[in-house]
PDB file of N, CA and C in Angstrom:
ATOM      1  N   MET A   1      20.619  -3.009   6.336  1.00  0.00           N
ATOM      2  CA  MET A   1      19.686  -3.526   5.362  1.00  0.00           C
ATOM      3  C   MET A   1      19.315  -4.955   5.756  1.00  0.00           C
ATOM      4  N   ALA A   2      18.037  -5.275   5.561  1.00  0.00           N
ATOM      5  CA  ALA A   2      17.525  -6.579   5.947  1.00  0.00           C
ATOM      6  C   ALA A   2      17.994  -7.656   4.973  1.00  0.00           C
ATOM      7  N   SER A   3      18.188  -8.852   5.526  1.00  0.00           N
ATOM      8  CA  SER A   3      18.555  -9.982   4.678  1.00  0.00           C
ATOM      9  C   SER A   3      17.321 -10.464   3.915  1.00  0.00           C
ATOM     10  N   ILE A   4      17.557 -11.296   2.917  1.00  0.00           N
ATOM     11  CA  ILE A   4      16.450 -11.840   2.126  1.00  0.00           C
ATOM     12  C   ILE A   4      15.503 -12.636   3.025  1.00  0.00           C
ATOM     13  N   ASP A   5      16.068 -13.399   3.952  1.00  0.00           N
ATOM     14  CA  ASP A   5      15.219 -14.184   4.856  1.00  0.00           C
ATOM     15  C   ASP A   5      14.365 -13.279   5.739  1.00  0.00           C
ATOM     16  N   GLU A   6      14.922 -12.162   6.189  1.00  0.00           N
ATOM     17  CA  GLU A   6      14.166 -11.219   7.009  1.00  0.00           C
ATOM     18  C   GLU A   6      13.047 -10.572   6.194  1.00  0.00           C
ATOM     19  N   VAL A   7      13.344 -10.259   4.942  1.00  0.00           N
ATOM     20  CA  VAL A   7      12.332  -9.673   4.066  1.00  0.00           C
ATOM     21  C   VAL A   7      11.209 -10.682   3.824  1.00  0.00           C
ATOM     22  N   ARG A   8      11.576 -11.929   3.546  1.00  0.00           N
ATOM     23  CA  ARG A   8      10.566 -12.978   3.343  1.00  0.00           C
ATOM     24  C   ARG A   8       9.695 -13.146   4.589  1.00  0.00           C
ATOM     25  N   ALA A   9      10.312 -13.144   5.759  1.00  0.00           N
ATOM     26  CA  ALA A   9       9.568 -13.304   7.015  1.00  0.00           C
ATOM     27  C   ALA A   9       8.601 -12.133   7.212  1.00  0.00           C
ATOM     28  N   ALA A  10       9.064 -10.941   6.922  1.00  0.00           N
ATOM     29  CA  ALA A  10       8.202  -9.765   7.066  1.00  0.00           C
ATOM     30  C   ALA A  10       7.033  -9.832   6.087  1.00  0.00           C
ATOM     31  N   ILE A  11       7.299 -10.282   4.873  1.00  0.00           N
ATOM     32  CA  ILE A  11       6.237 -10.424   3.873  1.00  0.00           C
ATOM     33  C   ILE A  11       5.229 -11.465   4.319  1.00  0.00           C
ATOM     34  N   MET A  12       5.698 -12.561   4.889  1.00  0.00           N
ATOM     35  CA  MET A  12       4.787 -13.608   5.358  1.00  0.00           C
ATOM     36  C   MET A  12       3.888 -13.089   6.482  1.00  0.00           C
ATOM     37  N   VAL A  13       4.464 -12.304   7.402  1.00  0.00           N
ATOM     38  CA  VAL A  13       3.667 -11.734   8.491  1.00  0.00           C
ATOM     39  C   VAL A  13       2.624 -10.780   7.916  1.00  0.00           C
ATOM     40  N   ALA A  14       3.041  -9.918   7.003  1.00  0.00           N
ATOM     41  CA  ALA A  14       2.112  -8.978   6.379  1.00  0.00           C
ATOM     42  C   ALA A  14       1.009  -9.729   5.639  1.00  0.00           C
ATOM     43  N   ASN A  15       1.386 -10.778   4.941  1.00  0.00           N
ATOM     44  CA  ASN A  15       0.418 -11.573   4.184  1.00  0.00           C
ATOM     45  C   ASN A  15      -0.595 -12.227   5.122  1.00  0.00           C
ATOM     46  N   GLU A  16      -0.122 -12.784   6.219  1.00  0.00           N
ATOM     47  CA  GLU A  16      -1.013 -13.427   7.188  1.00  0.00           C
ATOM     48  C   GLU A  16      -1.998 -12.421   7.773  1.00  0.00           C
ATOM     49  N   ARG A  17      -1.484 -11.252   8.165  1.00  0.00           N
ATOM     50  CA  ARG A  17      -2.359 -10.236   8.756  1.00  0.00           C
ATOM     51  C   ARG A  17      -3.355  -9.709   7.735  1.00  0.00           C
ATOM     52  N   ALA A  18      -2.906  -9.496   6.506  1.00  0.00           N
ATOM     53  CA  ALA A  18      -3.807  -9.017   5.453  1.00  0.00           C
ATOM     54  C   ALA A  18      -4.873 -10.066   5.148  1.00  0.00           C
ATOM     55  N   SER A  19      -4.485 -11.329   5.121  1.00  0.00           N
ATOM     56  CA  SER A  19      -5.449 -12.404   4.863  1.00  0.00           C
ATOM     57  C   SER A  19      -6.486 -12.477   5.975  1.00  0.00           C
ATOM     58  N   GLN A  20      -6.041 -12.314   7.202  1.00  0.00           N
ATOM     59  CA  GLN A  20      -6.957 -12.311   8.338  1.00  0.00           C
ATOM     60  C   GLN A  20      -7.926 -11.134   8.213  1.00  0.00           C
ATOM     61  N   THR A  21      -7.389  -9.984   7.869  1.00  0.00           N
ATOM     62  CA  THR A  21      -8.224  -8.798   7.697  1.00  0.00           C
ATOM     63  C   THR A  21      -9.226  -8.987   6.570  1.00  0.00           C
ATOM     64  N   LEU A  22      -8.822  -9.667   5.517  1.00  0.00           N
ATOM     65  CA  LEU A  22      -9.728  -9.942   4.396  1.00  0.00           C
ATOM     66  C   LEU A  22     -10.939 -10.746   4.876  1.00  0.00           C
ATOM     67  N   GLY A  23     -10.690 -11.717   5.722  1.00  0.00           N
ATOM     68  CA  GLY A  23     -11.794 -12.488   6.303  1.00  0.00           C
ATOM     69  C   GLY A  23     -12.707 -11.634   7.172  1.00  0.00           C
ATOM     70  N   GLU A  24     -12.105 -10.745   7.942  1.00  0.00           N
ATOM     71  CA  GLU A  24     -12.892  -9.855   8.789  1.00  0.00           C
ATOM     72  C   GLU A  24     -13.713  -8.885   7.946  1.00  0.00           C
ATOM     73  N   LEU A  25     -13.131  -8.419   6.850  1.00  0.00           N
ATOM     74  CA  LEU A  25     -13.872  -7.543   5.948  1.00  0.00           C
ATOM     75  C   LEU A  25     -15.056  -8.279   5.319  1.00  0.00           C
ATOM     76  N   GLN A  26     -14.871  -9.551   5.004  1.00  0.00           N
ATOM     77  CA  GLN A  26     -15.974 -10.342   4.449  1.00  0.00           C
ATOM     78  C   GLN A  26     -17.101 -10.453   5.459  1.00  0.00           C
ATOM     79  N   GLN A  27     -16.738 -10.659   6.719  1.00  0.00           N
ATOM     80  CA  GLN A  27     -17.760 -10.732   7.766  1.00  0.00           C
ATOM     81  C   GLN A  27     -18.487  -9.397   7.900  1.00  0.00           C
ATOM     82  N   ALA A  28     -17.734  -8.306   7.861  1.00  0.00           N
ATOM     83  CA  ALA A  28     -18.341  -6.978   7.956  1.00  0.00           C
ATOM     84  C   ALA A  28     -19.278  -6.730   6.778  1.00  0.00           C
ATOM     85  N   HIS A  29     -18.835  -7.134   5.591  1.00  0.00           N
ATOM     86  CA  HIS A  29     -19.652  -6.970   4.385  1.00  0.00           C
ATOM     87  C   HIS A  29     -20.973  -7.720   4.541  1.00  0.00           C
ATOM     88  N   SER A  30     -20.908  -8.955   4.981  1.00  0.00           N
ATOM     89  CA  SER A  30     -22.115  -9.770   5.166  1.00  0.00           C
ATOM     90  C   SER A  30     -23.030  -9.168   6.226  1.00  0.00           C
ATOM     91  N   SER A  31     -22.448  -8.716   7.316  1.00  0.00           N
ATOM     92  CA  SER A  31     -23.248  -8.126   8.399  1.00  0.00           C
ATOM     93  C   SER A  31     -23.944  -6.851   7.934  1.00  0.00           C
ATOM     94  N   LEU A  32     -23.227  -6.022   7.190  1.00  0.00           N
ATOM     95  CA  LEU A  32     -23.833  -4.791   6.683  1.00  0.00           C
ATOM     96  C   LEU A  32     -24.954  -5.084   5.689  1.00  0.00           C
ATOM     97  N   GLU A  33     -24.756  -6.092   4.838  1.00  0.00           N
ATOM     98  CA  GLU A  33     -25.823  -6.467   3.906  1.00  0.00           C
ATOM     99  C   GLU A  33     -27.056  -6.967   4.657  1.00  0.00           C
ATOM    100  N   GLN A  34     -26.824  -7.726   5.724  1.00  0.00           N
ATOM    101  CA  GLN A  34     -27.936  -8.220   6.531  1.00  0.00           C
ATOM    102  C   GLN A  34     -28.653  -7.060   7.216  1.00  0.00           C
ATOM    103  N   ALA A  35     -27.889  -6.104   7.712  1.00  0.00           N
ATOM    104  CA  ALA A  35     -28.494  -4.931   8.349  1.00  0.00           C
ATOM    105  C   ALA A  35     -29.313  -4.141   7.339  1.00  0.00           C
ATOM    106  N   GLN A  36     -28.769  -3.993   6.149  1.00  0.00           N
ATOM    107  CA  GLN A  36     -29.477  -3.268   5.098  1.00  0.00           C
ATOM    108  C   GLN A  36     -30.779  -3.988   4.744  1.00  0.00           C
ATOM    109  N   GLY A  37     -30.730  -5.298   4.617  1.00  0.00           N
ATOM    110  CA  GLY A  37     -31.934  -6.069   4.318  1.00  0.00           C
ATOM    111  C   GLY A  37     -32.971  -5.962   5.422  1.00  0.00           C
ATOM    112  N   ALA A  38     -32.529  -6.031   6.665  1.00  0.00           N
ATOM    113  CA  ALA A  38     -33.448  -5.926   7.798  1.00  0.00           C
ATOM    114  C   ALA A  38     -34.088  -4.543   7.849  1.00  0.00           C
ATOM    115  N   LEU A  39     -33.293  -3.524   7.582  1.00  0.00           N
ATOM    116  CA  LEU A  39     -33.827  -2.168   7.577  1.00  0.00           C
ATOM    117  C   LEU A  39     -34.848  -2.000   6.454  1.00  0.00           C
ATOM    118  N   ALA A  40     -34.504  -2.493   5.274  1.00  0.00           N
ATOM    119  CA  ALA A  40     -35.416  -2.376   4.135  1.00  0.00           C
ATOM    120  C   ALA A  40     -36.729  -3.096   4.424  1.00  0.00           C
ATOM    121  N   GLN A  41     -36.630  -4.279   5.007  1.00  0.00           N
ATOM    122  CA  GLN A  41     -37.833  -5.050   5.315  1.00  0.00           C
ATOM    123  C   GLN A  41     -38.656  -4.357   6.398  1.00  0.00           C
ATOM    124  N   GLY A  42     -37.970  -3.853   7.407  1.00  0.00           N
ATOM    125  CA  GLY A  42     -38.668  -3.229   8.531  1.00  0.00           C
ATOM    126  C   GLY A  42     -39.291  -1.891   8.200  1.00  0.00           C
ATOM    127  N   THR A  43     -38.766  -1.209   7.216  1.00  0.00           N
ATOM    128  CA  THR A  43     -39.282   0.123   6.884  1.00  0.00           C
ATOM    129  C   THR A  43     -40.019   0.145   5.554  1.00  0.00           C
ATOM    130  N   GLU A  44     -40.299  -1.040   5.018  1.00  0.00           N
ATOM    131  CA  GLU A  44     -41.006  -1.116   3.733  1.00  0.00           C
ATOM    132  C   GLU A  44     -42.335  -0.373   3.810  1.00  0.00           C
ATOM    133  N   GLY A  45     -42.567   0.482   2.841  1.00  0.00           N
ATOM    134  CA  GLY A  45     -43.799   1.253   2.799  1.00  0.00           C
ATOM    135  C   GLY A  45     -43.767   2.500   3.653  1.00  0.00           C
ATOM    136  N   SER A  46     -42.676   2.696   4.355  1.00  0.00           N
ATOM    137  CA  SER A  46     -42.552   3.874   5.204  1.00  0.00           C
ATOM    138  C   SER A  46     -42.180   5.087   4.357  1.00  0.00           C
ATOM    139  N   ASN A  47     -42.692   6.211   4.756  1.00  0.00           N
ATOM    140  CA  ASN A  47     -42.345   7.456   4.068  1.00  0.00           C
ATOM    141  C   ASN A  47     -41.307   8.245   4.854  1.00  0.00           C
ATOM    142  N   GLN A  48     -40.673   7.602   5.780  1.00  0.00           N
ATOM    143  CA  GLN A  48     -39.681   8.263   6.616  1.00  0.00           C
ATOM    144  C   GLN A  48     -38.408   8.535   5.816  1.00  0.00           C
ATOM    145  N   ALA A  49     -38.030   9.787   5.708  1.00  0.00           N
ATOM    146  CA  ALA A  49     -36.819  10.154   4.977  1.00  0.00           C
ATOM    147  C   ALA A  49     -35.580   9.562   5.635  1.00  0.00           C
ATOM    148  N   GLU A  50     -35.604   9.472   6.951  1.00  0.00           N
ATOM    149  CA  GLU A  50     -34.449   8.922   7.665  1.00  0.00           C
ATOM    150  C   GLU A  50     -34.209   7.458   7.322  1.00  0.00           C
ATOM    151  N   ALA A  51     -35.281   6.714   7.077  1.00  0.00           N
ATOM    152  CA  ALA A  51     -35.135   5.302   6.719  1.00  0.00           C
ATOM    153  C   ALA A  51     -34.443   5.180   5.375  1.00  0.00           C
ATOM    154  N   ALA A  52     -34.846   5.996   4.421  1.00  0.00           N
ATOM    155  CA  ALA A  52     -34.200   5.975   3.107  1.00  0.00           C
ATOM    156  C   ALA A  52     -32.750   6.422   3.211  1.00  0.00           C
ATOM    157  N   GLU A  53     -32.511   7.420   4.045  1.00  0.00           N
ATOM    158  CA  GLU A  53     -31.135   7.896   4.232  1.00  0.00           C
ATOM    159  C   GLU A  53     -30.267   6.809   4.863  1.00  0.00           C
ATOM    160  N   ALA A  54     -30.792   6.150   5.883  1.00  0.00           N
ATOM    161  CA  ALA A  54     -30.041   5.072   6.551  1.00  0.00           C
ATOM    162  C   ALA A  54     -29.753   3.942   5.572  1.00  0.00           C
ATOM    163  N   ASN A  55     -30.722   3.608   4.737  1.00  0.00           N
ATOM    164  CA  ASN A  55     -30.523   2.550   3.747  1.00  0.00           C
ATOM    165  C   ASN A  55     -29.425   2.953   2.764  1.00  0.00           C
ATOM    166  N   GLY A  56     -29.447   4.199   2.322  1.00  0.00           N
ATOM    167  CA  GLY A  56     -28.406   4.687   1.419  1.00  0.00           C
ATOM    168  C   GLY A  56     -27.033   4.682   2.062  1.00  0.00           C
ATOM    169  N   LEU A  57     -26.976   5.055   3.328  1.00  0.00           N
ATOM    170  CA  LEU A  57     -25.691   5.052   4.040  1.00  0.00           C
ATOM    171  C   LEU A  57     -25.155   3.637   4.207  1.00  0.00           C
ATOM    172  N   LEU A  58     -26.053   2.698   4.498  1.00  0.00           N
ATOM    173  CA  LEU A  58     -25.615   1.301   4.597  1.00  0.00           C
ATOM    174  C   LEU A  58     -25.120   0.799   3.247  1.00  0.00           C
ATOM    175  N   ALA A  59     -25.776   1.184   2.178  1.00  0.00           N
ATOM    176  CA  ALA A  59     -25.330   0.786   0.839  1.00  0.00           C
ATOM    177  C   ALA A  59     -23.934   1.340   0.558  1.00  0.00           C
ATOM    178  N   GLN A  60     -23.702   2.577   0.957  1.00  0.00           N
ATOM    179  CA  GLN A  60     -22.364   3.160   0.786  1.00  0.00           C
ATOM    180  C   GLN A  60     -21.332   2.396   1.603  1.00  0.00           C
ATOM    181  N   ALA A  61     -21.694   2.029   2.811  1.00  0.00           N
ATOM    182  CA  ALA A  61     -20.772   1.276   3.664  1.00  0.00           C
ATOM    183  C   ALA A  61     -20.439  -0.074   3.049  1.00  0.00           C
ATOM    184  N   VAL A  62     -21.449  -0.745   2.505  1.00  0.00           N
ATOM    185  CA  VAL A  62     -21.228  -2.038   1.845  1.00  0.00           C
ATOM    186  C   VAL A  62     -20.250  -1.865   0.691  1.00  0.00           C
ATOM    187  N   ASN A  63     -20.445  -0.825  -0.102  1.00  0.00           N
ATOM    188  CA  ASN A  63     -19.555  -0.573  -1.238  1.00  0.00           C
ATOM    189  C   ASN A  63     -18.130  -0.267  -0.796  1.00  0.00           C
ATOM    190  N   LYS A  64     -17.991   0.499   0.273  1.00  0.00           N
ATOM    191  CA  LYS A  64     -16.649   0.843   0.759  1.00  0.00           C
ATOM    192  C   LYS A  64     -15.929  -0.388   1.303  1.00  0.00           C
ATOM    193  N   VAL A  65     -16.657  -1.254   1.976  1.00  0.00           N
ATOM    194  CA  VAL A  65     -16.048  -2.489   2.467  1.00  0.00           C
ATOM    195  C   VAL A  65     -15.621  -3.353   1.282  1.00  0.00           C
ATOM    196  N   ALA A  66     -16.442  -3.409   0.245  1.00  0.00           N
ATOM    197  CA  ALA A  66     -16.089  -4.187  -0.947  1.00  0.00           C
ATOM    198  C   ALA A  66     -14.831  -3.611  -1.603  1.00  0.00           C
ATOM    199  N   GLU A  67     -14.731  -2.282  -1.641  1.00  0.00           N
ATOM    200  CA  GLU A  67     -13.525  -1.645  -2.184  1.00  0.00           C
ATOM    201  C   GLU A  67     -12.303  -2.001  -1.339  1.00  0.00           C
ATOM    202  N   ALA A  68     -12.473  -1.975  -0.029  1.00  0.00           N
ATOM    203  CA  ALA A  68     -11.362  -2.331   0.860  1.00  0.00           C
ATOM    204  C   ALA A  68     -10.931  -3.775   0.639  1.00  0.00           C
ATOM    205  N   GLN A  69     -11.898  -4.666   0.430  1.00  0.00           N
ATOM    206  CA  GLN A  69     -11.578  -6.066   0.143  1.00  0.00           C
ATOM    207  C   GLN A  69     -10.730  -6.171  -1.127  1.00  0.00           C
ATOM    208  N   GLN A  70     -11.111  -5.437  -2.146  1.00  0.00           N
ATOM    209  CA  GLN A  70     -10.362  -5.469  -3.403  1.00  0.00           C
ATOM    210  C   GLN A  70      -8.944  -4.948  -3.213  1.00  0.00           C
ATOM    211  N   GLU A  71      -8.791  -3.890  -2.435  1.00  0.00           N
ATOM    212  CA  GLU A  71      -7.468  -3.322  -2.205  1.00  0.00           C
ATOM    213  C   GLU A  71      -6.585  -4.254  -1.386  1.00  0.00           C
ATOM    214  N   VAL A  72      -7.162  -4.886  -0.376  1.00  0.00           N
ATOM    215  CA  VAL A  72      -6.391  -5.842   0.430  1.00  0.00           C
ATOM    216  C   VAL A  72      -5.998  -7.040  -0.435  1.00  0.00           C
ATOM    217  N   SER A  73      -6.896  -7.501  -1.268  1.00  0.00           N
ATOM    218  CA  SER A  73      -6.565  -8.618  -2.170  1.00  0.00           C
ATOM    219  C   SER A  73      -5.429  -8.243  -3.109  1.00  0.00           C
ATOM    220  N   ALA A  74      -5.459  -7.020  -3.626  1.00  0.00           N
ATOM    221  CA  ALA A  74      -4.380  -6.556  -4.501  1.00  0.00           C
ATOM    222  C   ALA A  74      -3.061  -6.488  -3.738  1.00  0.00           C
ATOM    223  N   ALA A  75      -3.114  -6.054  -2.503  1.00  0.00           N
ATOM    224  CA  ALA A  75      -1.896  -5.998  -1.685  1.00  0.00           C
ATOM    225  C   ALA A  75      -1.337  -7.395  -1.459  1.00  0.00           C
ATOM    226  N   ILE A  76      -2.203  -8.350  -1.203  1.00  0.00           N
ATOM    227  CA  ILE A  76      -1.757  -9.737  -0.996  1.00  0.00           C
ATOM    228  C   ILE A  76      -1.083 -10.259  -2.260  1.00  0.00           C
ATOM    229  N   ARG A  77      -1.670  -9.987  -3.414  1.00  0.00           N
ATOM    230  CA  ARG A  77      -1.045 -10.411  -4.674  1.00  0.00           C
ATOM    231  C   ARG A  77       0.317  -9.748  -4.846  1.00  0.00           C
ATOM    232  N   ALA A  78       0.420  -8.495  -4.453  1.00  0.00           N
ATOM    233  CA  ALA A  78       1.713  -7.791  -4.542  1.00  0.00           C
ATOM    234  C   ALA A  78       2.734  -8.424  -3.600  1.00  0.00           C
ATOM    235  N   PHE A  79       2.303  -8.761  -2.378  1.00  0.00           N
ATOM    236  CA  PHE A  79       3.208  -9.446  -1.439  1.00  0.00           C
ATOM    237  C   PHE A  79       3.758 -10.709  -2.066  1.00  0.00           C
ATOM    238  N   GLU A  80       2.837 -11.488  -2.636  1.00  0.00           N
ATOM    239  CA  GLU A  80       3.223 -12.759  -3.227  1.00  0.00           C
ATOM    240  C   GLU A  80       4.184 -12.556  -4.398  1.00  0.00           C
ATOM    241  N   GLY A  81       3.966 -11.509  -5.167  1.00  0.00           N
ATOM    242  CA  GLY A  81       4.876 -11.215  -6.272  1.00  0.00           C
ATOM    243  C   GLY A  81       6.275 -10.896  -5.795  1.00  0.00           C
ATOM    244  N   VAL A  82       6.353 -10.095  -4.744  1.00  0.00           N
ATOM    245  CA  VAL A  82       7.666  -9.746  -4.171  1.00  0.00           C
ATOM    246  C   VAL A  82       8.330 -11.003  -3.622  1.00  0.00           C
ATOM    247  N   ALA A  83       7.572 -11.793  -2.868  1.00  0.00           N
ATOM    248  CA  ALA A  83       8.141 -13.003  -2.262  1.00  0.00           C
ATOM    249  C   ALA A  83       8.638 -13.969  -3.320  1.00  0.00           C
ATOM    250  N   ASN A  84       7.925 -14.083  -4.444  1.00  0.00           N
ATOM    251  CA  ASN A  84       8.346 -14.992  -5.507  1.00  0.00           C
ATOM    252  C   ASN A  84       9.620 -14.532  -6.207  1.00  0.00           C
ATOM    253  N   ARG A  85       9.869 -13.249  -6.186  1.00  0.00           N
ATOM    254  CA  ARG A  85      11.079 -12.745  -6.832  1.00  0.00           C
ATOM    255  C   ARG A  85      12.306 -12.787  -5.925  1.00  0.00           C
ATOM    256  N   LEU A  86      12.105 -13.077  -4.663  1.00  0.00           N
ATOM    257  CA  LEU A  86      13.259 -13.130  -3.746  1.00  0.00           C
ATOM    258  C   LEU A  86      13.976 -14.464  -3.851  1.00  0.00           C
TER     259      LEU A  86
END
């Protein structure tokens, strides 16, 4: 069984990696929103079904990244809760 110090160290590593990932998810979210905006602007007035489909898929991707951000944030809060109780 791991010592308290080993558990704290593991939590800190997990927290650091999750925090880094949170930043990367924010970048992905911003990039996807920019792509969605560029697509919408470039296909404005188009009757192409594929353009509407691509826009919808990008919107879904943006939402999924936002969900992932929320889950990673919740995990970080959980890490911190465990670390505070040690």
